[in-house]
Amino acid sequence: MGTLNLDGNKLPYSPEWTTHVGIQYEWELGDLGSLSARGDYSWVDEQFSNAFNRDLSSGVGTGPADYIPSYSLVNARLQWINTGGSWRADLYVKNLADDAILSNSFLTNVNDRTFGTYLAPRTYGLKLVYSF
């Protein structure tokens, strides 16, 4: 078994660029407490899941894909907090665009198959919290 020169390859899970922008606005509701609305946008540049940097879609490498394409993600939340701060209710949506976002790609030794994992699809819900 010889040596393999990976000089010039990118480090695994090391995108060149990432960005995150959030905006939030709050309203005071007097005796009812406060209400806030928040939106978050994240963008992550392309990356590889291991040091071999194989990407069949661009012709780099000869094995199955290790490539994770760039992606963006949008989340939103509406939050109410009562005056005393003991009650909180969050109405939230994650992955608002419901995009299929590949977050991991890995090669198995079984028939040289590539498997991947994805971030959760659009999820939403109501979260109630009582602090005592």
C-alpha atoms as a PDB file:
ATOM      1  CA  MET A   1       0.000   0.000   0.000  1.00  0.00           C
ATOM      2  CA  GLY A   2       1.561   3.307  -1.078  1.00  0.00           C
ATOM      3  CA  THR A   3       1.111   6.844   0.076  1.00  0.00           C
ATOM      4  CA  LEU A   4      -1.666   9.055  -1.149  1.00  0.00           C
ATOM      5  CA  ASN A   5      -1.008  12.735  -1.733  1.00  0.00           C
ATOM      6  CA  LEU A   6      -4.015  14.817  -0.689  1.00  0.00           C
ATOM      7  CA  ASP A   7      -2.162  18.110  -1.079  1.00  0.00           C
ATOM      8  CA  GLY A   8      -4.546  20.861  -2.148  1.00  0.00           C
ATOM      9  CA  ASN A   9      -7.676  19.049  -0.991  1.00  0.00           C
ATOM     10  CA  LYS A  10     -10.083  20.819   1.321  1.00  0.00           C
ATOM     11  CA  LEU A  11     -10.470  19.740   4.938  1.00  0.00           C
ATOM     12  CA  PRO A  12     -13.620  17.701   5.607  1.00  0.00           C
ATOM     13  CA  TYR A  13     -16.666  19.696   6.726  1.00  0.00           C
ATOM     14  CA  SER A  14     -14.844  22.983   6.208  1.00  0.00           C
ATOM     15  CA  PRO A  15     -16.857  25.224   3.890  1.00  0.00           C
ATOM     16  CA  GLU A  16     -14.967  28.237   2.603  1.00  0.00           C
ATOM     17  CA  TRP A  17     -17.849  30.567   3.501  1.00  0.00           C
ATOM     18  CA  THR A  18     -20.787  30.540   5.886  1.00  0.00           C
ATOM     19  CA  THR A  19     -23.154  33.339   6.723  1.00  0.00           C
ATOM     20  CA  HIS A  20     -26.002  33.876   9.126  1.00  0.00           C
ATOM     21  CA  VAL A  21     -28.383  36.820   9.304  1.00  0.00           C
ATOM     22  CA  GLY A  22     -31.138  37.223  11.861  1.00  0.00           C
ATOM     23  CA  ILE A  23     -33.736  39.905  12.369  1.00  0.00           C
ATOM     24  CA  GLN A  24     -36.003  40.325  15.361  1.00  0.00           C
ATOM     25  CA  TYR A  25     -38.687  42.783  16.350  1.00  0.00           C
ATOM     26  CA  GLU A  26     -40.335  43.055  19.770  1.00  0.00           C
ATOM     27  CA  TRP A  27     -43.632  44.564  20.914  1.00  0.00           C
ATOM     28  CA  GLU A  28     -44.573  45.362  24.493  1.00  0.00           C
ATOM     29  CA  LEU A  29     -48.142  44.268  25.257  1.00  0.00           C
ATOM     30  CA  GLY A  30     -48.589  46.016  28.602  1.00  0.00           C
ATOM     31  CA  ASP A  31     -50.088  43.665  31.190  1.00  0.00           C
ATOM     32  CA  LEU A  32     -50.047  40.778  28.680  1.00  0.00           C
ATOM     33  CA  GLY A  33     -46.228  40.702  28.439  1.00  0.00           C
ATOM     34  CA  SER A  34     -44.268  40.945  25.206  1.00  0.00           C
ATOM     35  CA  LEU A  35     -44.326  39.491  21.712  1.00  0.00           C
ATOM     36  CA  SER A  36     -41.353  39.045  19.400  1.00  0.00           C
ATOM     37  CA  ALA A  37     -41.007  37.908  15.793  1.00  0.00           C
ATOM     38  CA  ARG A  38     -37.705  36.523  14.513  1.00  0.00           C
ATOM     39  CA  GLY A  39     -36.433  35.315  11.159  1.00  0.00           C
ATOM     40  CA  ASP A  40     -33.062  33.667  10.513  1.00  0.00           C
ATOM     41  CA  TYR A  41     -31.293  32.985   7.229  1.00  0.00           C
ATOM     42  CA  SER A  42     -28.184  30.818   6.971  1.00  0.00           C
ATOM     43  CA  TRP A  43     -26.050  29.939   3.965  1.00  0.00           C
ATOM     44  CA  VAL A  44     -23.278  27.331   3.956  1.00  0.00           C
ATOM     45  CA  ASP A  45     -20.816  26.969   1.077  1.00  0.00           C
ATOM     46  CA  GLU A  46     -20.061  23.659  -0.585  1.00  0.00           C
ATOM     47  CA  GLN A  47     -17.843  21.206   1.291  1.00  0.00           C
ATOM     48  CA  PHE A  48     -16.596  17.640   1.304  1.00  0.00           C
ATOM     49  CA  SER A  49     -17.315  14.918   3.845  1.00  0.00           C
ATOM     50  CA  ASN A  50     -13.765  13.547   3.859  1.00  0.00           C
ATOM     51  CA  ALA A  51     -10.226  14.389   2.790  1.00  0.00           C
ATOM     52  CA  PHE A  52     -10.471  12.563  -0.571  1.00  0.00           C
ATOM     53  CA  ASN A  53     -12.739  15.300  -2.040  1.00  0.00           C
ATOM     54  CA  ARG A  54     -14.420  12.994  -4.590  1.00  0.00           C
ATOM     55  CA  ASP A  55     -17.167  14.604  -6.652  1.00  0.00           C
ATOM     56  CA  LEU A  56     -18.464  12.673  -9.650  1.00  0.00           C
ATOM     57  CA  SER A  57     -20.768  15.522 -10.691  1.00  0.00           C
ATOM     58  CA  SER A  58     -17.784  17.750 -11.499  1.00  0.00           C
ATOM     59  CA  GLY A  59     -15.487  14.969 -12.719  1.00  0.00           C
ATOM     60  CA  VAL A  60     -13.138  15.200  -9.704  1.00  0.00           C
ATOM     61  CA  GLY A  61     -12.041  11.814  -8.431  1.00  0.00           C
ATOM     62  CA  THR A  62     -13.047   8.325  -9.422  1.00  0.00           C
ATOM     63  CA  GLY A  63     -15.119   7.179  -6.454  1.00  0.00           C
ATOM     64  CA  PRO A  64     -18.620   7.871  -5.223  1.00  0.00           C
ATOM     65  CA  ALA A  65     -19.480  11.404  -4.219  1.00  0.00           C
ATOM     66  CA  ASP A  66     -18.077  12.934  -1.024  1.00  0.00           C
ATOM     67  CA  TYR A  67     -19.387  16.303  -2.114  1.00  0.00           C
ATOM     68  CA  ILE A  68     -21.973  18.269  -0.102  1.00  0.00           C
ATOM     69  CA  PRO A  69     -23.416  21.166  -2.135  1.00  0.00           C
ATOM     70  CA  SER A  70     -23.981  24.626  -0.707  1.00  0.00           C
ATOM     71  CA  TYR A  71     -27.348  25.259   0.904  1.00  0.00           C
ATOM     72  CA  SER A  72     -29.473  27.911   2.529  1.00  0.00           C
ATOM     73  CA  LEU A  73     -31.849  27.548   5.450  1.00  0.00           C
ATOM     74  CA  VAL A  74     -34.656  29.810   6.686  1.00  0.00           C
ATOM     75  CA  ASN A  75     -36.210  29.557  10.176  1.00  0.00           C
ATOM     76  CA  ALA A  76     -38.898  31.724  11.792  1.00  0.00           C
ATOM     77  CA  ARG A  77     -40.320  32.142  15.301  1.00  0.00           C
ATOM     78  CA  LEU A  78     -43.088  34.092  17.024  1.00  0.00           C
ATOM     79  CA  GLN A  79     -42.606  34.234  20.818  1.00  0.00           C
ATOM     80  CA  TRP A  80     -44.855  35.481  23.627  1.00  0.00           C
ATOM     81  CA  ILE A  81     -43.575  35.983  27.193  1.00  0.00           C
ATOM     82  CA  ASN A  82     -45.955  36.925  30.015  1.00  0.00           C
ATOM     83  CA  THR A  83     -45.287  39.960  32.223  1.00  0.00           C
ATOM     84  CA  GLY A  84     -43.681  38.006  35.066  1.00  0.00           C
ATOM     85  CA  GLY A  85     -41.584  35.916  32.671  1.00  0.00           C
ATOM     86  CA  SER A  86     -42.848  32.619  34.053  1.00  0.00           C
ATOM     87  CA  TRP A  87     -44.745  31.612  30.875  1.00  0.00           C
ATOM     88  CA  ARG A  88     -43.374  31.497  27.348  1.00  0.00           C
ATOM     89  CA  ALA A  89     -44.973  30.271  24.124  1.00  0.00           C
ATOM     90  CA  ASP A  90     -43.024  29.799  20.888  1.00  0.00           C
ATOM     91  CA  LEU A  91     -44.658  29.223  17.526  1.00  0.00           C
ATOM     92  CA  TYR A  92     -41.844  28.146  15.183  1.00  0.00           C
ATOM     93  CA  VAL A  93     -41.029  26.883  11.695  1.00  0.00           C
ATOM     94  CA  LYS A  94     -37.662  25.351  10.775  1.00  0.00           C
ATOM     95  CA  ASN A  95     -36.527  24.824   7.163  1.00  0.00           C
ATOM     96  CA  LEU A  96     -39.324  27.061   5.962  1.00  0.00           C
ATOM     97  CA  ALA A  97     -38.654  26.325   2.268  1.00  0.00           C
ATOM     98  CA  ASP A  98     -38.862  22.563   2.952  1.00  0.00           C
ATOM     99  CA  ASP A  99     -35.631  21.962   0.999  1.00  0.00           C
ATOM    100  CA  ALA A 100     -33.906  18.575   0.950  1.00  0.00           C
ATOM    101  CA  ILE A 101     -30.523  19.571   2.419  1.00  0.00           C
ATOM    102  CA  LEU A 102     -27.695  17.028   2.330  1.00  0.00           C
ATOM    103  CA  SER A 103     -25.663  17.381   5.529  1.00  0.00           C
ATOM    104  CA  ASN A 104     -23.420  14.315   5.395  1.00  0.00           C
ATOM    105  CA  SER A 105     -22.177  11.926   2.720  1.00  0.00           C
ATOM    106  CA  PHE A 106     -20.178   8.788   3.389  1.00  0.00           C
ATOM    107  CA  LEU A 107     -18.832   5.827   1.449  1.00  0.00           C
ATOM    108  CA  THR A 108     -19.314   2.254   2.622  1.00  0.00           C
ATOM    109  CA  ASN A 109     -17.203  -0.749   1.736  1.00  0.00           C
ATOM    110  CA  VAL A 110     -20.314  -2.627   0.658  1.00  0.00           C
ATOM    111  CA  ASN A 111     -20.460  -2.343  -3.141  1.00  0.00           C
ATOM    112  CA  ASP A 112     -18.812   1.114  -2.930  1.00  0.00           C
ATOM    113  CA  ARG A 113     -22.167   2.700  -2.121  1.00  0.00           C
ATOM    114  CA  THR A 114     -22.520   6.264  -0.943  1.00  0.00           C
ATOM    115  CA  PHE A 115     -25.056   7.100   1.728  1.00  0.00           C
ATOM    116  CA  GLY A 116     -26.065  10.470   3.042  1.00  0.00           C
ATOM    117  CA  THR A 117     -28.026  12.107   5.793  1.00  0.00           C
ATOM    118  CA  TYR A 118     -30.241  15.123   5.409  1.00  0.00           C
ATOM    119  CA  LEU A 119     -31.354  17.940   7.660  1.00  0.00           C
ATOM    120  CA  ALA A 120     -34.938  17.681   8.852  1.00  0.00           C
ATOM    121  CA  PRO A 121     -37.661  18.710   6.398  1.00  0.00           C
ATOM    122  CA  ARG A 122     -39.955  21.606   7.275  1.00  0.00           C
ATOM    123  CA  THR A 123     -40.907  21.231  10.914  1.00  0.00           C
ATOM    124  CA  TYR A 124     -43.219  23.445  12.892  1.00  0.00           C
ATOM    125  CA  GLY A 125     -44.799  23.484  16.261  1.00  0.00           C
ATOM    126  CA  LEU A 126     -45.819  25.208  19.435  1.00  0.00           C
ATOM    127  CA  LYS A 127     -43.551  25.083  22.470  1.00  0.00           C
ATOM    128  CA  LEU A 128     -44.924  26.037  25.898  1.00  0.00           C
ATOM    129  CA  VAL A 129     -42.530  26.677  28.799  1.00  0.00           C
ATOM    130  CA  TYR A 130     -43.276  27.392  32.440  1.00  0.00           C
ATOM    131  CA  SER A 131     -40.386  28.511  34.653  1.00  0.00           C
ATOM    132  CA  PHE A 132     -40.651  28.247  38.416  1.00  0.00           C
END
